[in-house]
Protein backbone atom coordinates (compact mmCIF):
# COMPACT_ATOMS: atom_id res chain seq x y z
CA MET A 1 3.47 13.50 -1.18
CA SER A 2 6.26 14.46 -3.76
CA GLN A 3 8.96 12.69 -3.88
CA PRO A 4 12.51 14.89 -4.30
CA LYS A 5 13.93 14.33 -7.51
CA VAL A 6 15.84 11.48 -7.98
CA SER A 7 17.60 11.29 -12.00
CA HIS A 8 18.99 7.97 -13.13
CA TRP A 9 21.15 9.83 -15.36
CA PRO A 10 24.14 10.40 -13.78
CA ILE A 11 24.53 6.54 -13.59
CA SER A 12 23.52 5.97 -16.74
CA ILE A 13 25.51 8.31 -18.34
CA LEU A 14 29.20 7.32 -16.68
CA ASN A 15 28.82 3.78 -16.35
CA GLY A 16 27.61 4.24 -20.26
CA LEU A 17 31.09 5.81 -21.10
CA SER A 18 32.96 3.13 -19.30
CA ALA A 19 30.88 0.58 -21.18
CA MET A 20 31.46 1.86 -23.88
CA VAL A 21 35.01 1.08 -23.73
CA ALA A 22 34.27 -2.57 -22.75
CA LEU A 23 33.23 -2.75 -26.86
CA PHE A 24 36.66 -2.81 -27.31
CA LEU A 25 37.36 -5.79 -25.62
CA PRO A 26 35.35 -8.61 -27.94
CA MET A 27 36.89 -6.36 -31.13
CA ILE A 28 40.41 -7.07 -29.99
CA MET A 29 39.74 -10.76 -28.82
CA SER A 30 38.25 -11.63 -32.13
CA ARG A 31 41.15 -10.42 -34.09
CA LEU A 32 44.03 -11.62 -31.42
CA ILE A 33 42.42 -14.86 -30.12
CA SER A 34 41.23 -17.96 -31.61
CA ALA A 35 37.22 -18.85 -31.85
CA ASP A 36 37.65 -21.46 -29.37
CA ASP A 37 39.39 -19.41 -26.57
CA ILE A 38 36.94 -16.45 -27.26
CA GLY A 39 34.02 -19.77 -26.40
CA ARG A 40 35.88 -20.57 -23.35
CA TYR A 41 36.35 -17.14 -22.11
CA LYS A 42 32.35 -16.94 -22.80
CA VAL A 43 31.28 -19.77 -20.99
CA LEU A 44 33.81 -18.95 -18.50
CA PHE A 45 32.32 -15.70 -17.38
CA LEU A 46 29.04 -16.78 -18.39
CA TYR A 47 28.97 -18.97 -15.24
CA LEU A 48 30.76 -16.39 -13.58
CA LEU A 49 27.34 -14.85 -13.83
CA THR A 50 25.36 -17.43 -11.97
CA MET A 51 27.29 -16.96 -8.81
CA PRO A 52 25.53 -14.36 -7.16
CA ALA A 53 22.22 -16.89 -7.15
CA LEU A 54 24.00 -19.64 -6.76
CA SER A 55 25.29 -18.54 -2.99
CA LEU A 56 21.98 -16.91 -2.63
CA THR A 57 23.50 -13.74 -1.79
CA GLY A 58 21.32 -11.85 -5.06
CA GLY A 59 18.16 -11.52 -3.06
CA ILE A 60 20.79 -8.79 -0.14
CA GLU A 61 21.34 -6.48 -2.77
CA ASN A 62 17.90 -6.45 -4.28
CA GLY A 63 17.29 -6.35 -0.83
CA LEU A 64 19.03 -3.02 -0.38
CA TYR A 65 17.09 -0.83 -2.35
CA TYR A 66 13.65 -2.13 -0.75
CA TRP A 67 15.92 -1.62 2.99
CA ALA A 68 16.93 2.31 2.36
CA GLY A 69 13.05 3.18 0.52
CA LEU A 70 12.50 2.55 5.10
CA GLY A 71 15.13 4.92 5.84
CA GLU A 72 17.09 4.55 8.95
CA ASP A 73 15.04 1.55 10.27
CA GLY A 74 16.25 -0.29 7.24
CA ARG A 75 20.34 0.54 8.51
CA PRO A 76 20.65 -2.66 10.63
CA GLN A 77 19.26 -5.25 8.01
CA VAL A 78 21.53 -3.60 5.59
CA ARG A 79 24.48 -4.48 8.12
CA THR A 80 23.17 -7.58 8.27
CA GLY A 81 23.11 -8.28 4.91
CA TRP A 82 26.68 -7.67 4.33
CA SER A 83 27.87 -10.21 7.35
CA LEU A 84 25.55 -12.80 5.21
CA THR A 85 26.67 -11.96 1.71
CA LEU A 86 30.77 -12.06 2.85
CA LEU A 87 29.17 -15.85 5.06
CA LEU A 88 27.40 -17.17 2.34
CA SER A 89 30.56 -15.64 -0.47
CA LEU A 90 32.66 -18.31 1.46
CA ILE A 91 31.08 -20.97 2.24
CA PHE A 92 30.67 -21.08 -1.34
CA MET A 93 33.92 -20.33 -2.61
CA VAL A 94 34.18 -23.76 -0.91
CA ALA A 95 31.74 -25.54 -2.98
CA VAL A 96 33.12 -24.01 -5.88
CA ILE A 97 36.73 -25.55 -5.36
CA VAL A 98 35.10 -28.89 -4.30
CA VAL A 99 33.26 -28.85 -7.95
CA SER A 100 36.17 -27.39 -9.96
CA PRO A 101 38.04 -30.25 -11.49
CA TRP A 102 34.75 -31.49 -12.32
CA LEU A 103 33.50 -28.24 -14.18
CA GLY A 104 37.61 -28.21 -15.14
CA GLN A 105 37.47 -31.15 -17.37
CA TRP A 106 33.44 -30.56 -18.52
CA PHE A 107 34.53 -27.39 -20.33
CA GLY A 108 38.53 -28.00 -21.10
CA TRP A 109 39.90 -25.42 -18.60
CA SER A 110 43.23 -25.66 -17.53
CA GLN A 111 44.45 -25.47 -14.00
CA GLY A 112 44.90 -21.59 -14.12
CA GLU A 113 41.67 -20.96 -15.22
CA SER A 114 39.85 -23.39 -12.72
CA LEU A 115 41.34 -21.36 -10.10
CA ALA A 116 41.07 -17.64 -10.91
CA PHE A 117 37.32 -19.39 -11.53
CA VAL A 118 37.15 -20.17 -7.93
CA ILE A 119 38.66 -17.27 -6.76
CA ALA A 120 36.39 -14.97 -8.88
CA SER A 121 33.69 -16.68 -7.55
CA PHE A 122 34.17 -15.52 -3.94
CA THR A 123 33.94 -11.88 -4.97
CA VAL A 124 31.56 -11.01 -7.41
CA ALA A 125 28.57 -10.67 -4.75
CA LEU A 126 30.74 -8.70 -2.50
CA ALA A 127 32.26 -6.57 -5.12
CA ASN A 128 28.33 -4.82 -6.08
CA PHE A 129 27.94 -4.19 -2.52
CA TYR A 130 28.91 -1.20 -2.03
CA GLU A 131 28.04 0.77 -5.59
CA ALA A 132 23.75 -0.75 -4.81
CA LEU A 133 24.15 0.86 -1.51
CA LEU A 134 24.88 4.46 -2.90
CA ILE A 135 22.41 4.32 -5.32
CA ALA A 136 20.24 2.33 -2.61
CA THR A 137 20.92 5.70 -0.10
CA LYS A 138 20.20 8.06 -3.06
CA ARG A 139 23.68 9.22 -3.37
CA ILE A 140 23.63 9.02 -7.05
CA TRP A 141 26.11 10.97 -8.21
CA PRO A 142 29.06 9.07 -5.80
CA GLY A 143 27.66 5.50 -6.96
CA ALA A 144 27.81 6.19 -10.62
CA PHE A 145 31.59 7.48 -9.80
CA PHE A 146 31.91 4.60 -7.84
CA SER A 147 30.50 2.29 -10.31
CA ALA A 148 31.86 3.79 -13.37
CA GLY A 149 35.51 3.92 -11.94
CA PHE A 150 35.43 0.33 -11.07
CA ASP A 151 33.99 -0.78 -14.20
CA ALA A 152 36.23 1.15 -16.83
CA MET A 153 39.34 -0.12 -14.30
CA LYS A 154 38.18 -3.98 -15.16
CA THR A 155 37.35 -2.96 -18.78
CA ILE A 156 41.14 -1.60 -19.13
CA SER A 157 42.46 -4.52 -16.86
CA LEU A 158 40.98 -6.99 -19.13
CA LEU A 159 42.17 -5.52 -22.13
CA SER A 160 45.60 -5.13 -21.25
CA ALA A 161 45.87 -8.91 -19.76
CA VAL A 162 44.04 -9.68 -23.64
CA MET A 163 46.57 -7.61 -25.36
CA TYR A 164 49.77 -8.92 -23.41
CA TYR A 165 49.22 -12.95 -22.90
CA ARG A 166 46.40 -13.43 -25.19
CA THR A 167 44.56 -15.67 -23.21
CA ALA A 168 41.30 -16.46 -21.68
CA GLU A 169 42.81 -17.01 -18.55
CA SER A 170 44.51 -13.94 -18.24
CA ALA A 171 40.96 -12.02 -18.63
CA VAL A 172 39.53 -13.74 -15.94
CA TRP A 173 42.77 -13.13 -13.69
CA ALA A 174 42.01 -9.14 -14.66
CA PHE A 175 38.39 -9.34 -13.32
CA THR A 176 39.40 -10.86 -10.24
CA VAL A 177 41.80 -8.75 -9.43
CA THR A 178 39.87 -5.77 -10.05
CA SER A 179 36.90 -7.21 -7.61
CA LEU A 180 39.43 -7.41 -5.06
CA ILE A 181 40.67 -4.21 -4.75
CA LYS A 182 36.78 -3.25 -5.64
CA ILE A 183 35.91 -5.05 -1.80
CA ALA A 184 38.54 -3.42 -0.14
CA VAL A 185 37.81 0.04 -0.90
CA THR A 186 34.04 -0.53 -0.26
CA LEU A 187 34.94 -2.03 3.04
CA PHE A 188 37.33 1.07 3.90
CA PHE A 189 34.28 3.55 2.54
CA GLY A 190 31.13 1.48 4.34
CA SER A 191 32.71 1.10 7.74
CA ARG A 192 33.80 4.67 7.82
CA GLU A 193 29.82 5.34 6.87
CA GLY A 194 28.58 2.71 9.60
CA TRP A 195 26.74 0.49 7.02
CA ILE A 196 29.08 -2.28 7.21
CA PRO A 197 30.43 -3.16 10.23
CA LEU A 198 34.22 -4.32 10.23
CA ILE A 199 33.02 -7.47 12.52
CA PRO A 200 29.74 -9.49 11.38
CA GLU A 201 26.69 -9.66 12.89
CA PHE A 202 23.97 -10.83 12.52
CA LYS A 203 21.43 -9.10 14.36
CA SER A 204 18.57 -8.55 11.79
CA ILE A 205 19.25 -12.00 10.13
CA LYS A 206 15.28 -13.12 10.46
CA GLU A 207 13.99 -9.92 8.29
CA VAL A 208 17.01 -9.94 6.14
CA MET A 209 15.99 -13.89 5.51
CA LYS A 210 12.26 -13.36 4.75
CA TYR A 211 13.04 -10.80 1.84
CA SER A 212 16.25 -12.12 0.53
CA LEU A 213 15.92 -15.56 0.54
CA PRO A 214 12.93 -16.35 -1.88
CA VAL A 215 14.38 -13.56 -3.77
CA SER A 216 17.36 -14.87 -3.84
CA VAL A 217 15.89 -18.56 -4.83
CA SER A 218 14.25 -17.15 -7.10
CA GLY A 219 17.50 -15.73 -8.78
CA ILE A 220 18.18 -19.04 -9.81
CA PHE A 221 15.03 -19.81 -11.65
CA ASP A 222 15.69 -16.45 -13.26
CA LEU A 223 19.11 -17.49 -14.85
CA LEU A 224 17.28 -20.46 -16.16
CA MET A 225 14.54 -18.05 -17.35
CA ASN A 226 17.41 -15.56 -19.53
CA TYR A 227 20.11 -17.55 -19.62
CA SER A 228 18.55 -21.23 -20.73
CA ASP A 229 19.81 -20.62 -24.45
CA ARG A 230 23.16 -20.30 -23.48
CA PHE A 231 23.61 -22.77 -20.78
CA LEU A 232 22.10 -25.04 -23.19
CA LEU A 233 24.55 -24.47 -25.81
CA SER A 234 27.22 -24.35 -24.16
CA VAL A 235 27.37 -27.87 -23.69
CA ILE A 236 25.59 -29.34 -26.79
CA ILE A 237 27.60 -27.37 -29.53
CA SER A 238 31.35 -26.29 -30.12
CA PRO A 239 33.55 -23.20 -28.49
CA ALA A 240 33.68 -21.59 -31.82
CA GLU A 241 29.78 -21.75 -32.71
CA TYR A 242 28.75 -20.62 -29.16
CA ALA A 243 31.34 -17.56 -30.15
CA ILE A 244 29.54 -17.01 -32.83
CA TYR A 245 26.07 -17.02 -30.86
CA THR A 246 26.96 -14.98 -28.27
CA PHE A 247 28.84 -12.39 -30.76
CA GLY A 248 24.95 -12.36 -32.51
CA CYS A 249 23.30 -12.04 -29.21
CA LEU A 250 25.44 -8.90 -28.89
CA SER A 251 25.46 -7.31 -25.19
CA LEU A 252 24.93 -3.68 -25.40
CA PRO A 253 25.73 -2.15 -22.12
CA PRO A 254 24.82 1.18 -22.35
CA LEU A 255 21.53 0.27 -22.76
CA GLN A 256 21.65 -2.41 -20.20
CA ILE A 257 22.96 -0.10 -17.28
CA LEU A 258 20.34 2.49 -18.45
CA GLU A 259 17.61 0.08 -17.58
CA ARG A 260 19.49 -0.91 -14.14
CA SER A 261 20.19 2.56 -13.19
CA VAL A 262 16.20 3.18 -13.94
CA ASN A 263 15.33 0.61 -11.48
CA ARG A 264 17.59 1.26 -9.20
CA VAL A 265 16.72 4.94 -8.66
CA LEU A 266 12.76 3.43 -9.37
CA ILE A 267 12.60 1.21 -6.59
CA PRO A 268 12.94 3.41 -3.02
CA LYS A 269 11.19 5.83 -4.81
CA LEU A 270 8.22 3.16 -5.34
CA THR A 271 8.41 1.60 -1.81
CA LEU A 272 8.43 4.83 -0.20
CA SER A 273 4.72 5.47 -2.52
CA ILE A 274 3.34 2.04 -1.98
CA LYS A 275 4.04 2.95 1.93
CA GLN A 276 1.95 5.79 1.67
CA HIS A 277 -0.65 4.05 -0.56
CA ASP A 278 -0.34 7.06 -2.71
CA ARG A 279 -1.75 4.90 -6.05
CA GLN A 280 -1.12 8.32 -8.56
CA SER A 281 2.60 8.46 -7.93
CA CYS A 282 2.72 4.80 -8.28
CA ILE A 283 2.14 4.84 -11.75
CA HIS A 284 3.44 8.64 -12.75
CA LEU A 285 6.51 6.65 -11.32
CA TYR A 286 6.16 3.23 -13.37
CA ASN A 287 5.22 5.68 -16.43
CA GLU A 288 8.39 7.62 -16.23
CA ALA A 289 10.25 4.34 -16.29
CA VAL A 290 8.99 3.53 -18.92
CA GLU A 291 9.88 6.10 -20.75
CA GLN A 292 13.35 6.88 -19.90
CA ILE A 293 14.19 3.35 -20.38
CA MET A 294 11.76 2.70 -24.07
CA MET A 295 13.06 6.12 -25.38
CA LEU A 296 16.82 4.46 -26.23
CA TYR A 297 15.85 1.36 -26.97
CA ILE A 298 13.26 1.43 -29.19
CA PRO A 299 15.80 3.15 -31.59
CA ALA A 300 18.44 0.69 -30.47
CA VAL A 301 16.08 -2.22 -32.12
CA VAL A 302 15.72 -0.21 -35.07
CA GLY A 303 19.63 0.29 -35.50
CA LEU A 304 20.25 -3.36 -34.74
CA ILE A 305 17.97 -5.01 -37.18
CA VAL A 306 19.09 -2.47 -40.05
CA PHE A 307 22.97 -2.39 -39.73
CA ALA A 308 23.74 -5.71 -38.25
CA GLU A 309 25.85 -7.18 -40.78
CA PRO A 310 28.39 -3.96 -40.63
CA ILE A 311 28.23 -3.86 -37.20
CA ILE A 312 29.38 -7.63 -36.93
CA ARG A 313 31.97 -7.30 -39.72
CA LEU A 314 33.49 -3.80 -37.78
CA LEU A 315 33.23 -5.29 -34.06
CA PHE A 316 34.40 -9.06 -35.17
CA THR A 317 35.48 -9.13 -39.08
CA GLU A 318 34.18 -11.46 -41.63
CA LYS A 319 35.04 -14.79 -39.90
CA TYR A 320 31.48 -14.05 -37.58
CA ILE A 321 29.39 -12.47 -40.13
CA ALA A 322 27.40 -15.63 -39.48
CA ALA A 323 26.09 -13.89 -36.36
CA ALA A 324 24.52 -11.05 -37.63
CA SER A 325 21.35 -13.30 -38.16
CA PHE A 326 20.95 -13.66 -34.88
CA LEU A 327 21.40 -10.49 -34.14
CA ARG A 328 18.47 -9.08 -35.85
CA LEU A 329 16.65 -11.29 -33.88
CA TYR A 330 18.14 -10.67 -30.67
CA ALA A 331 17.17 -7.08 -31.57
CA LEU A 332 13.87 -7.96 -30.49
CA TRP A 333 14.73 -9.66 -26.74
CA TYR A 334 15.94 -5.27 -26.08
CA LEU A 335 12.61 -4.64 -27.19
CA VAL A 336 10.51 -6.56 -24.39
CA SER A 337 13.56 -6.78 -21.54
CA GLY A 338 13.84 -3.17 -21.27
CA TRP A 339 10.01 -3.13 -19.75
CA PRO A 340 10.15 -3.57 -15.90
CA TYR A 341 8.10 -6.50 -14.57
CA ASP A 342 8.94 -7.13 -10.92
CA VAL A 343 9.28 -3.45 -9.41
CA ALA A 344 6.07 -3.58 -7.55
CA ALA A 345 7.10 -6.71 -6.09
CA ARG A 346 10.32 -5.52 -5.10
CA ALA A 347 9.02 -2.48 -3.88
CA SER A 348 6.61 -4.15 -1.63
CA GLY A 349 8.60 -6.86 -0.30
CA ASP A 350 6.66 -9.31 -1.85
CA GLY A 351 9.60 -11.93 -2.13
CA ARG A 352 7.09 -15.20 -2.43
CA TRP A 353 5.70 -13.80 -5.79
CA ILE A 354 8.93 -12.90 -7.55
CA LEU A 355 10.12 -16.88 -5.96
CA LYS A 356 7.14 -18.50 -7.08
CA THR A 357 6.64 -16.83 -10.90
CA ASN A 358 10.44 -17.02 -11.37
CA MET A 359 10.05 -20.82 -10.64
CA ILE A 360 7.32 -21.24 -12.78
CA MET A 361 8.77 -19.50 -15.38
CA GLY A 362 12.30 -20.85 -15.08
CA ALA A 363 10.83 -24.05 -15.52
CA PHE A 364 8.80 -23.06 -18.93
CA SER A 365 12.25 -21.33 -20.00
CA LEU A 366 14.29 -24.58 -20.27
CA SER A 367 11.49 -26.65 -21.26
CA VAL A 368 10.54 -24.37 -24.20
CA CYS A 369 14.29 -24.40 -25.02
CA ALA A 370 15.10 -27.16 -25.28
CA LEU A 371 12.24 -28.10 -27.48
CA LEU A 372 12.66 -25.30 -29.93
CA THR A 373 16.56 -26.47 -29.83
CA TRP A 374 15.86 -29.89 -30.84
CA TRP A 375 13.68 -28.52 -33.62
CA LEU A 376 15.51 -25.58 -34.36
CA GLY A 377 18.84 -25.75 -33.38
CA ALA A 378 20.79 -22.47 -32.04
CA LEU A 379 18.19 -20.04 -33.95
CA GLY A 380 15.23 -22.08 -31.56
CA ALA A 381 17.21 -21.77 -28.22
CA LEU A 382 16.72 -17.71 -29.26
CA ILE A 383 13.16 -17.82 -30.51
CA SER A 384 12.37 -19.28 -26.93
CA LEU A 385 14.39 -16.64 -24.83
CA ILE A 386 12.51 -14.08 -26.42
CA VAL A 387 9.05 -16.00 -25.60
CA SER A 388 10.07 -16.47 -22.38
CA VAL A 389 10.86 -12.72 -21.29
CA THR A 390 8.02 -11.88 -22.89
CA MET A 391 5.99 -14.22 -21.16
CA LEU A 392 7.39 -12.93 -17.94
CA ARG A 393 6.26 -9.24 -18.30
CA PHE A 394 2.91 -10.35 -18.80
CA LEU A 395 2.67 -12.00 -15.44
CA GLY A 396 4.76 -8.51 -13.99
CA PHE A 397 1.38 -6.79 -15.39
CA ARG A 398 -1.01 -8.97 -14.18
CA LEU A 399 0.44 -8.64 -10.83
CA MET A 400 0.21 -4.77 -10.69
CA HIS A 401 -3.25 -4.94 -12.08
CA LYS A 402 -4.70 -7.67 -9.25
CA LYS A 403 -2.43 -7.26 -6.34
CA PHE A 404 -2.26 -2.85 -6.56
CA HIS A 405 -5.36 -2.15 -8.96
CA TRP A 406 -2.85 -0.80 -11.48
CA ASN A 407 -4.73 -0.61 -15.17
CA PHE A 408 -2.67 -1.32 -18.03
CA LYS A 409 -3.64 1.74 -19.84
CA GLU A 410 -2.32 3.70 -17.49
CA LEU A 411 0.78 2.48 -17.19
CA VAL A 412 1.88 2.47 -20.43
CA PRO A 413 2.94 6.05 -21.63
CA VAL A 414 1.23 5.06 -25.11
CA LYS A 415 1.74 8.67 -26.97
CA SER A 416 5.63 8.76 -25.68
CA LEU A 417 5.59 5.18 -27.30
CA MET A 418 4.04 5.68 -30.48
CA LEU A 419 6.53 8.54 -30.28
CA PHE A 420 9.52 6.98 -30.16
CA SER A 421 8.45 4.08 -32.37
CA THR A 422 6.89 6.20 -35.44
CA PHE A 423 10.35 8.23 -35.28
CA ALA A 424 12.82 5.60 -35.12
CA VAL A 425 11.06 3.93 -37.87
CA ILE A 426 11.53 6.44 -40.75
CA LEU A 427 14.78 7.33 -40.19
CA GLY A 428 15.25 3.27 -39.80
CA ILE A 429 13.77 3.24 -43.40
CA GLY A 430 15.65 6.18 -44.35
CA SER A 431 18.91 5.06 -44.04
CA PHE A 432 18.14 1.53 -44.86
CA GLY A 433 16.97 2.86 -48.76
CA LEU A 434 20.62 5.62 -48.76
CA LYS A 435 22.62 2.27 -48.52
CA GLY A 436 23.23 2.03 -52.13
CA LEU A 437 24.64 5.61 -52.14
CA PHE A 438 27.45 4.30 -50.27
CA ALA A 439 30.79 1.71 -51.70
CA THR A 440 31.04 0.45 -48.54
CA GLU A 441 28.84 -0.99 -45.91
CA PHE A 442 31.50 0.45 -43.16
CA TRP A 443 30.41 3.98 -44.54
CA TRP A 444 27.27 3.54 -44.23
CA LEU A 445 27.32 2.38 -40.95
CA VAL A 446 29.61 5.51 -39.71
CA ILE A 447 27.25 8.00 -42.40
CA CYS A 448 24.09 7.03 -41.91
CA GLY A 449 24.10 4.96 -38.43
CA GLY A 450 25.72 8.52 -36.54
CA ALA A 451 23.36 10.54 -38.64
CA PHE A 452 20.18 8.45 -37.34
CA ALA A 453 21.17 8.49 -34.00
CA LEU A 454 22.18 12.37 -33.98
CA VAL A 455 18.72 13.45 -35.36
CA TYR A 456 16.56 10.95 -33.40
CA LEU A 457 18.51 12.65 -29.73
CA GLY A 458 18.42 15.86 -31.06
CA VAL A 459 14.53 15.88 -31.96
CA LEU A 460 13.65 13.85 -28.89
CA ILE A 461 15.52 17.01 -26.64
CA TYR A 462 14.07 19.84 -28.41
CA PHE A 463 10.59 17.96 -27.82
CA ARG A 464 10.66 15.81 -24.43
CA ARG A 465 13.52 17.88 -22.79
CA ASP A 466 11.99 17.07 -19.64
CA LEU A 467 13.50 13.04 -20.31
CA PHE A 468 16.66 14.52 -19.68
CA ASP A 469 16.51 16.21 -16.46
CA PHE A 470 18.81 15.87 -14.07
CA HIS A 471 21.32 18.43 -11.92
CA ILE A 472 25.08 18.64 -11.02
CA PRO A 473 25.17 18.91 -7.30
CA ILE A 474 27.93 21.50 -5.85
CA LYS A 475 28.79 18.63 -3.18
CA PHE A 476 27.87 15.55 -4.78
CA TRP A 477 30.26 13.49 -2.40
CA ARG A 478 28.58 14.19 1.42
CA ARG A 479 29.74 11.08 3.65
CA LYS A 480 26.43 10.20 5.66
CA SER A 481 27.94 8.58 8.18
CA ALA A 482 26.06 6.40 10.82
CA ASP A 483 26.24 9.37 13.42
CA THR A 484 25.23 11.59 10.91
CA SER A 485 22.02 10.14 9.96
CA ARG A 486 21.37 9.26 13.39
CA GLU A 487 21.23 13.00 14.31
CA LYS A 488 19.20 14.30 11.75
């Protein structure tokens, strides 16, 4: 059975545009704040990132895409999911209050930073609920505008706070206030539509916990796997050295948003195809997702390797040029991490596989990271990260083959990947060969880097226009109330 065309591009484009503004934040911080303050800021937000996993709410957000794929039958689970997220966030904030003095002493946080961290710990999971719900229910444009709008608000708030106060503490407070506003808007619209109860309810708590608990617990091990290098380095190197390392592990929000957006759209559709035992549709959906992600990840990897030094100088000044060597290696992480690995498990509600796999990989990643860090320092930590994400993708393909009988050759769009890779490498070699014609690295980056991007996208659009197919509906914000959905 064919499914209606639902594109990730509204989410990717709008969030990507707002994310481009976010790149100004590290640029400004590197020029206004000391390296030690930047290191503390990085550590604060690293541990804020752990909140959904540690509070056991991460599995509920993941579950939204599964329950929404069930249609109206999944509405009770979504309502219970919100109530459970609220309860767990409150309980976790109390736990953070208890340990915050110890954390502040360990990492050298001020009282203001510790207080902001406590309040922010309550907001992280709740603030993401409604945007995930919009996308999971296939309201792509509303979800894109909601997510991008608040991302832009958050970035502008962070930029304003840093420029005015010039402290890491002000950035955390700006993040916290923006998240509280987002939660208020979530509660207003979600309750009007019948997805979020004003009074907490736990009618479907058994079904919610059956799916979300294993996924939530696995999220803790997922953090160990994906961030073991940063957790380990945050406690064994100085804040200034940590800042250099994290600048080298350059976050490119547009790429990360693209990968997350593709998966958000893919999972509800894949849930339906698995439910209907439509093997060909499943393989087609996965192929399409890989193409959508890798068509931009591959040229980005080549560009990061070729232009690493001028990128670091432009973004963070000459003071952090040592980060360029980390950036070249970290580019390979993007090449591996873009592959969807757990979508089959999430789309089929297989929380047990997610938990088991992440437990194994979390322990593996932490062990390898500790060994290679002891041997090679920060470089070894980064190598261990790439090894771990590669191993995880192997296990994901193994599941898809063993459980669903999807062959590796069918899942990988070889011709498309060859096209993307060949063209990107040719442009990268050409750009590197022209470096000597420019007086400064800055103009080489601007002219050759800009030409690289424009030529690549232009040729890709000409030959593969289908990859950029999406429509703009006239009435893209149509509220789906509970009553309307039931009448349908």
